[in-house]
Amino acid sequence: MTEKLARRGTPVRTEYMADFLDRVQVRDAITREVATITGSQTVGEVRAWLNTRTAPTVHQAFPVVDGEGALIGVVNRYELLDAKRDNAVLVRTLVTSAPAVVYEENTLREAADHMVRAKVGRLPVVTRDDPRRVVGIISRSDLLSAHAGRLDAAMVTESPPIGRGWLRRQEKRRRERQGR
C-alpha cells in the first residue's frame, strides 16, 4: 500500500520522530519575570507606564492581578490603548473572561495546543497548588525558542539548506555563542 501511494506521488513518511514539544515541560521554557498589571489601576496609569517604553512594557498582553497577587485575567495592549476608552476606567473592568492558563508541569505541546484553542499568543503559568498565583508566562516566542537548541544540535548531523547566506549566519551564531 505504501509503495503504491509513493508511486502516485503521495508523500509517505517512512520514519517516526517524537514531537520535541512533548518532551519539554513548560517550567523549562517560561519567562519567570512577569510584567503584571493590578486590577485597581486605571487605564490612564497603565497608558502612562506603557509610554515609558521600558523593557516590561513591550509585551502585547499582561496578566491582571488583584491586590493580593491572585490572577484575575489577561488584558491585551490594544484594549489598554483604545482611544475610545476613558483613562478613569479600572483595568479589572477590561477583563471579560476567565484567563486561559497552563501549569508548570504541562508539556510545551499541551501549551501550544491550548494557545491555539484559546486563540491567544501567551499563557500565564500557574501551579496546581495555587492556580491563581502567576509563576511565569509562556509565549509563542518561547515555544519557538525552545526549538533553537534542538535545531542547533541537529545541525551537527544534518546537511544545511543550500545557500551561502545561511551558512554565514550559522557560523556567526556559533562564534557568538563561543564568545568571540
C-alpha atoms as a PDB file:
ATOM      1  CA  MET A   1       0.000   0.000   0.000  1.00  0.00           C
ATOM      2  CA  THR A   2       2.764   2.452   0.954  1.00  0.00           C
ATOM      3  CA  GLU A   3       4.622   1.733  -2.266  1.00  0.00           C
ATOM      4  CA  LYS A   4       1.514   2.415  -4.351  1.00  0.00           C
ATOM      5  CA  LEU A   5       0.967   5.746  -2.605  1.00  0.00           C
ATOM      6  CA  ALA A   6       4.587   6.732  -3.207  1.00  0.00           C
ATOM      7  CA  ARG A   7       4.360   5.815  -6.912  1.00  0.00           C
ATOM      8  CA  ARG A   8       1.312   8.052  -7.221  1.00  0.00           C
ATOM      9  CA  GLY A   9       3.249  10.985  -5.816  1.00  0.00           C
ATOM     10  CA  THR A  10       1.768  10.999  -2.302  1.00  0.00           C
ATOM     11  CA  PRO A  11       4.487  11.759   0.240  1.00  0.00           C
ATOM     12  CA  VAL A  12       4.848   8.894   2.717  1.00  0.00           C
ATOM     13  CA  ARG A  13       6.765   9.322   5.940  1.00  0.00           C
ATOM     14  CA  THR A  14       8.995   6.358   6.464  1.00  0.00           C
ATOM     15  CA  GLU A  15      10.288   7.155   9.911  1.00  0.00           C
ATOM     16  CA  TYR A  16       8.716   8.124  13.169  1.00  0.00           C
ATOM     17  CA  MET A  17      10.066  11.055  15.145  1.00  0.00           C
ATOM     18  CA  ALA A  18       8.879  12.055  18.613  1.00  0.00           C
ATOM     19  CA  ASP A  19       7.412  15.534  18.960  1.00  0.00           C
ATOM     20  CA  PHE A  20      10.073  17.694  20.571  1.00  0.00           C
ATOM     21  CA  LEU A  21       7.455  19.865  22.302  1.00  0.00           C
ATOM     22  CA  ASP A  22       6.125  16.746  24.039  1.00  0.00           C
ATOM     23  CA  ARG A  23       9.490  16.226  25.710  1.00  0.00           C
ATOM     24  CA  VAL A  24       9.915  19.671  27.282  1.00  0.00           C
ATOM     25  CA  GLN A  25       7.944  20.895  30.271  1.00  0.00           C
ATOM     26  CA  VAL A  26       6.575  24.410  30.464  1.00  0.00           C
ATOM     27  CA  ARG A  27       8.656  25.135  33.589  1.00  0.00           C
ATOM     28  CA  ASP A  28      11.809  24.748  31.478  1.00  0.00           C
ATOM     29  CA  ALA A  29      10.846  27.349  28.875  1.00  0.00           C
ATOM     30  CA  ILE A  30       8.890  30.069  30.678  1.00  0.00           C
ATOM     31  CA  THR A  31       9.767  33.645  31.419  1.00  0.00           C
ATOM     32  CA  ARG A  32       9.751  33.902  35.201  1.00  0.00           C
ATOM     33  CA  GLU A  33       9.785  37.697  35.454  1.00  0.00           C
ATOM     34  CA  VAL A  34       6.220  38.582  34.541  1.00  0.00           C
ATOM     35  CA  ALA A  35       5.053  42.150  33.964  1.00  0.00           C
ATOM     36  CA  THR A  36       1.643  42.256  35.614  1.00  0.00           C
ATOM     37  CA  ILE A  37      -0.970  44.967  35.966  1.00  0.00           C
ATOM     38  CA  THR A  38      -3.067  45.435  39.079  1.00  0.00           C
ATOM     39  CA  GLY A  39      -6.813  45.393  38.554  1.00  0.00           C
ATOM     40  CA  SER A  40      -7.220  48.513  40.684  1.00  0.00           C
ATOM     41  CA  GLN A  41      -5.027  50.589  38.350  1.00  0.00           C
ATOM     42  CA  THR A  42      -6.733  52.948  35.942  1.00  0.00           C
ATOM     43  CA  VAL A  43      -6.290  52.724  32.197  1.00  0.00           C
ATOM     44  CA  GLY A  44      -4.624  56.151  32.340  1.00  0.00           C
ATOM     45  CA  GLU A  45      -1.999  54.903  34.820  1.00  0.00           C
ATOM     46  CA  VAL A  46      -1.240  51.892  32.656  1.00  0.00           C
ATOM     47  CA  ARG A  47      -1.048  54.013  29.498  1.00  0.00           C
ATOM     48  CA  ALA A  48       1.482  56.288  31.208  1.00  0.00           C
ATOM     49  CA  TRP A  49       3.508  53.216  32.176  1.00  0.00           C
ATOM     50  CA  LEU A  50       3.316  51.831  28.611  1.00  0.00           C
ATOM     51  CA  ASN A  51       4.534  55.164  27.239  1.00  0.00           C
ATOM     52  CA  THR A  52       7.762  54.846  29.256  1.00  0.00           C
ATOM     53  CA  ARG A  53       8.753  52.161  26.730  1.00  0.00           C
ATOM     54  CA  THR A  54      10.841  50.317  29.311  1.00  0.00           C
ATOM     55  CA  ALA A  55      11.584  46.616  28.813  1.00  0.00           C
ATOM     56  CA  PRO A  56       8.476  45.200  30.534  1.00  0.00           C
ATOM     57  CA  THR A  57       6.127  47.461  28.556  1.00  0.00           C
ATOM     58  CA  VAL A  58       6.829  45.905  25.162  1.00  0.00           C
ATOM     59  CA  HIS A  59       4.522  42.906  25.582  1.00  0.00           C
ATOM     60  CA  GLN A  60       1.239  42.526  23.738  1.00  0.00           C
ATOM     61  CA  ALA A  61      -0.777  41.367  26.753  1.00  0.00           C
ATOM     62  CA  PHE A  62      -0.442  41.466  30.517  1.00  0.00           C
ATOM     63  CA  PRO A  63      -1.787  39.313  33.333  1.00  0.00           C
ATOM     64  CA  VAL A  64      -4.084  41.299  35.623  1.00  0.00           C
ATOM     65  CA  VAL A  65      -3.814  40.512  39.336  1.00  0.00           C
ATOM     66  CA  ASP A  66      -5.716  41.663  42.392  1.00  0.00           C
ATOM     67  CA  GLY A  67      -4.170  43.385  45.422  1.00  0.00           C
ATOM     68  CA  GLU A  68      -3.007  40.021  46.805  1.00  0.00           C
ATOM     69  CA  GLY A  69      -1.364  38.949  43.555  1.00  0.00           C
ATOM     70  CA  ALA A  70      -4.099  36.489  42.515  1.00  0.00           C
ATOM     71  CA  LEU A  71      -4.739  36.226  38.787  1.00  0.00           C
ATOM     72  CA  ILE A  72      -7.931  37.905  37.578  1.00  0.00           C
ATOM     73  CA  GLY A  73      -7.384  37.629  33.828  1.00  0.00           C
ATOM     74  CA  VAL A  74      -5.331  38.903  30.919  1.00  0.00           C
ATOM     75  CA  VAL A  75      -5.716  42.237  29.144  1.00  0.00           C
ATOM     76  CA  ASN A  76      -4.370  42.992  25.670  1.00  0.00           C
ATOM     77  CA  ARG A  77      -2.344  46.068  24.802  1.00  0.00           C
ATOM     78  CA  TYR A  78      -4.860  47.215  22.186  1.00  0.00           C
ATOM     79  CA  GLU A  79      -7.609  47.197  24.830  1.00  0.00           C
ATOM     80  CA  LEU A  80      -5.499  49.444  27.027  1.00  0.00           C
ATOM     81  CA  LEU A  81      -4.593  51.819  24.201  1.00  0.00           C
ATOM     82  CA  ASP A  82      -8.084  52.009  22.668  1.00  0.00           C
ATOM     83  CA  ALA A  83      -8.688  55.769  22.215  1.00  0.00           C
ATOM     84  CA  LYS A  84     -12.405  55.301  22.913  1.00  0.00           C
ATOM     85  CA  ARG A  85     -11.646  54.058  26.424  1.00  0.00           C
ATOM     86  CA  ASP A  86     -11.658  56.629  29.229  1.00  0.00           C
ATOM     87  CA  ASN A  87      -8.497  56.998  31.341  1.00  0.00           C
ATOM     88  CA  ALA A  88     -10.501  56.642  34.572  1.00  0.00           C
ATOM     89  CA  VAL A  89     -11.706  53.106  33.777  1.00  0.00           C
ATOM     90  CA  LEU A  90     -10.302  50.454  36.122  1.00  0.00           C
ATOM     91  CA  VAL A  91      -8.244  47.757  34.424  1.00  0.00           C
ATOM     92  CA  ARG A  92     -10.208  44.956  36.118  1.00  0.00           C
ATOM     93  CA  THR A  93     -13.317  46.001  34.161  1.00  0.00           C
ATOM     94  CA  LEU A  94     -11.481  45.175  30.917  1.00  0.00           C
ATOM     95  CA  VAL A  95     -11.172  41.523  31.941  1.00  0.00           C
ATOM     96  CA  THR A  96     -14.197  39.860  30.380  1.00  0.00           C
ATOM     97  CA  SER A  97     -13.440  36.159  30.728  1.00  0.00           C
ATOM     98  CA  ALA A  98     -11.534  33.694  32.862  1.00  0.00           C
ATOM     99  CA  PRO A  99      -7.887  33.516  31.830  1.00  0.00           C
ATOM    100  CA  ALA A 100      -6.502  30.625  29.826  1.00  0.00           C
ATOM    101  CA  VAL A 101      -3.609  29.287  31.884  1.00  0.00           C
ATOM    102  CA  VAL A 102      -1.125  26.448  31.752  1.00  0.00           C
ATOM    103  CA  TYR A 103       0.538  24.535  34.591  1.00  0.00           C
ATOM    104  CA  GLU A 104       4.287  24.289  35.102  1.00  0.00           C
ATOM    105  CA  GLU A 105       4.292  20.517  34.590  1.00  0.00           C
ATOM    106  CA  ASN A 106       2.403  20.626  31.280  1.00  0.00           C
ATOM    107  CA  THR A 107       4.412  19.963  28.147  1.00  0.00           C
ATOM    108  CA  LEU A 108       5.120  22.623  25.553  1.00  0.00           C
ATOM    109  CA  ARG A 109       2.889  20.651  23.162  1.00  0.00           C
ATOM    110  CA  GLU A 110      -0.028  20.998  25.588  1.00  0.00           C
ATOM    111  CA  ALA A 111       0.724  24.708  25.969  1.00  0.00           C
ATOM    112  CA  ALA A 112       0.863  25.212  22.189  1.00  0.00           C
ATOM    113  CA  ASP A 113      -2.409  23.327  21.711  1.00  0.00           C
ATOM    114  CA  HIS A 114      -4.044  25.371  24.461  1.00  0.00           C
ATOM    115  CA  MET A 115      -2.871  28.617  22.817  1.00  0.00           C
ATOM    116  CA  VAL A 116      -4.428  27.539  19.540  1.00  0.00           C
ATOM    117  CA  ARG A 117      -7.731  26.526  21.139  1.00  0.00           C
ATOM    118  CA  ALA A 118      -7.939  29.703  23.233  1.00  0.00           C
ATOM    119  CA  LYS A 119      -6.739  31.868  20.313  1.00  0.00           C
ATOM    120  CA  VAL A 120      -4.074  33.581  22.408  1.00  0.00           C
ATOM    121  CA  GLY A 121      -0.363  34.169  21.946  1.00  0.00           C
ATOM    122  CA  ARG A 122       0.649  33.807  25.575  1.00  0.00           C
ATOM    123  CA  LEU A 123      -0.461  31.963  28.670  1.00  0.00           C
ATOM    124  CA  PRO A 124       0.096  32.767  32.334  1.00  0.00           C
ATOM    125  CA  VAL A 125       1.815  29.843  34.037  1.00  0.00           C
ATOM    126  CA  VAL A 126       0.423  28.773  37.413  1.00  0.00           C
ATOM    127  CA  THR A 127       0.946  25.945  39.891  1.00  0.00           C
ATOM    128  CA  ARG A 128      -1.600  23.260  40.686  1.00  0.00           C
ATOM    129  CA  ASP A 129      -1.240  24.087  44.386  1.00  0.00           C
ATOM    130  CA  ASP A 130      -2.274  27.699  43.813  1.00  0.00           C
ATOM    131  CA  PRO A 131      -3.859  28.095  40.345  1.00  0.00           C
ATOM    132  CA  ARG A 132      -4.359  31.830  40.796  1.00  0.00           C
ATOM    133  CA  ARG A 133      -0.705  32.626  41.539  1.00  0.00           C
ATOM    134  CA  VAL A 134       1.280  33.526  38.422  1.00  0.00           C
ATOM    135  CA  VAL A 135       4.763  31.998  38.440  1.00  0.00           C
ATOM    136  CA  GLY A 136       5.641  32.821  34.855  1.00  0.00           C
ATOM    137  CA  ILE A 137       4.359  33.363  31.358  1.00  0.00           C
ATOM    138  CA  ILE A 138       4.884  31.438  28.147  1.00  0.00           C
ATOM    139  CA  SER A 139       4.505  32.942  24.698  1.00  0.00           C
ATOM    140  CA  ARG A 140       4.696  31.718  21.128  1.00  0.00           C
ATOM    141  CA  SER A 141       8.225  33.136  21.045  1.00  0.00           C
ATOM    142  CA  ASP A 142       9.174  30.927  23.990  1.00  0.00           C
ATOM    143  CA  LEU A 143       7.833  27.881  22.153  1.00  0.00           C
ATOM    144  CA  LEU A 144       9.888  28.750  19.089  1.00  0.00           C
ATOM    145  CA  SER A 145      12.985  29.470  21.180  1.00  0.00           C
ATOM    146  CA  ALA A 146      12.707  26.009  22.717  1.00  0.00           C
ATOM    147  CA  HIS A 147      13.378  24.639  19.242  1.00  0.00           C
ATOM    148  CA  ALA A 148      16.616  26.623  18.848  1.00  0.00           C
ATOM    149  CA  GLY A 149      18.712  24.192  20.888  1.00  0.00           C
ATOM    150  CA  ARG A 150      17.217  21.217  19.093  1.00  0.00           C
ATOM    151  CA  LEU A 151      17.919  22.797  15.706  1.00  0.00           C
ATOM    152  CA  ASP A 152      21.490  23.685  16.658  1.00  0.00           C
ATOM    153  CA  ALA A 153      22.095  20.110  17.794  1.00  0.00           C
ATOM    154  CA  ALA A 154      20.556  18.789  14.577  1.00  0.00           C
ATOM    155  CA  MET A 155      22.963  20.909  12.501  1.00  0.00           C
ATOM    156  CA  VAL A 156      25.815  18.690  13.647  1.00  0.00           C
ATOM    157  CA  THR A 157      24.278  15.649  11.962  1.00  0.00           C
ATOM    158  CA  GLU A 158      22.236  17.125   9.109  1.00  0.00           C
ATOM    159  CA  SER A 159      23.394  18.846   5.974  1.00  0.00           C
ATOM    160  CA  PRO A 160      22.443  22.547   5.937  1.00  0.00           C
ATOM    161  CA  PRO A 161      19.986  24.027   3.473  1.00  0.00           C
ATOM    162  CA  ILE A 162      21.517  25.379   0.274  1.00  0.00           C
ATOM    163  CA  GLY A 163      22.636  28.992   0.402  1.00  0.00           C
ATOM    164  CA  ARG A 164      25.818  30.793   1.364  1.00  0.00           C
ATOM    165  CA  GLY A 165      23.971  33.435   3.405  1.00  0.00           C
ATOM    166  CA  TRP A 166      22.534  30.769   5.645  1.00  0.00           C
ATOM    167  CA  LEU A 167      25.962  29.240   6.252  1.00  0.00           C
ATOM    168  CA  ARG A 168      27.477  32.637   7.118  1.00  0.00           C
ATOM    169  CA  ARG A 169      24.681  33.328   9.649  1.00  0.00           C
ATOM    170  CA  GLN A 170      25.183  29.918  11.273  1.00  0.00           C
ATOM    171  CA  GLU A 171      28.932  30.476  11.539  1.00  0.00           C
ATOM    172  CA  LYS A 172      28.340  33.929  13.062  1.00  0.00           C
ATOM    173  CA  ARG A 173      25.920  32.457  15.644  1.00  0.00           C
ATOM    174  CA  ARG A 174      28.449  29.755  16.522  1.00  0.00           C
ATOM    175  CA  ARG A 175      31.189  32.363  17.101  1.00  0.00           C
ATOM    176  CA  GLU A 176      28.839  34.497  19.238  1.00  0.00           C
ATOM    177  CA  ARG A 177      27.967  31.504  21.421  1.00  0.00           C
ATOM    178  CA  GLN A 178      31.661  30.811  21.910  1.00  0.00           C
ATOM    179  CA  GLY A 179      32.213  34.419  22.976  1.00  0.00           C
ATOM    180  CA  ARG A 180      34.452  35.514  20.121  1.00  0.00           C
END
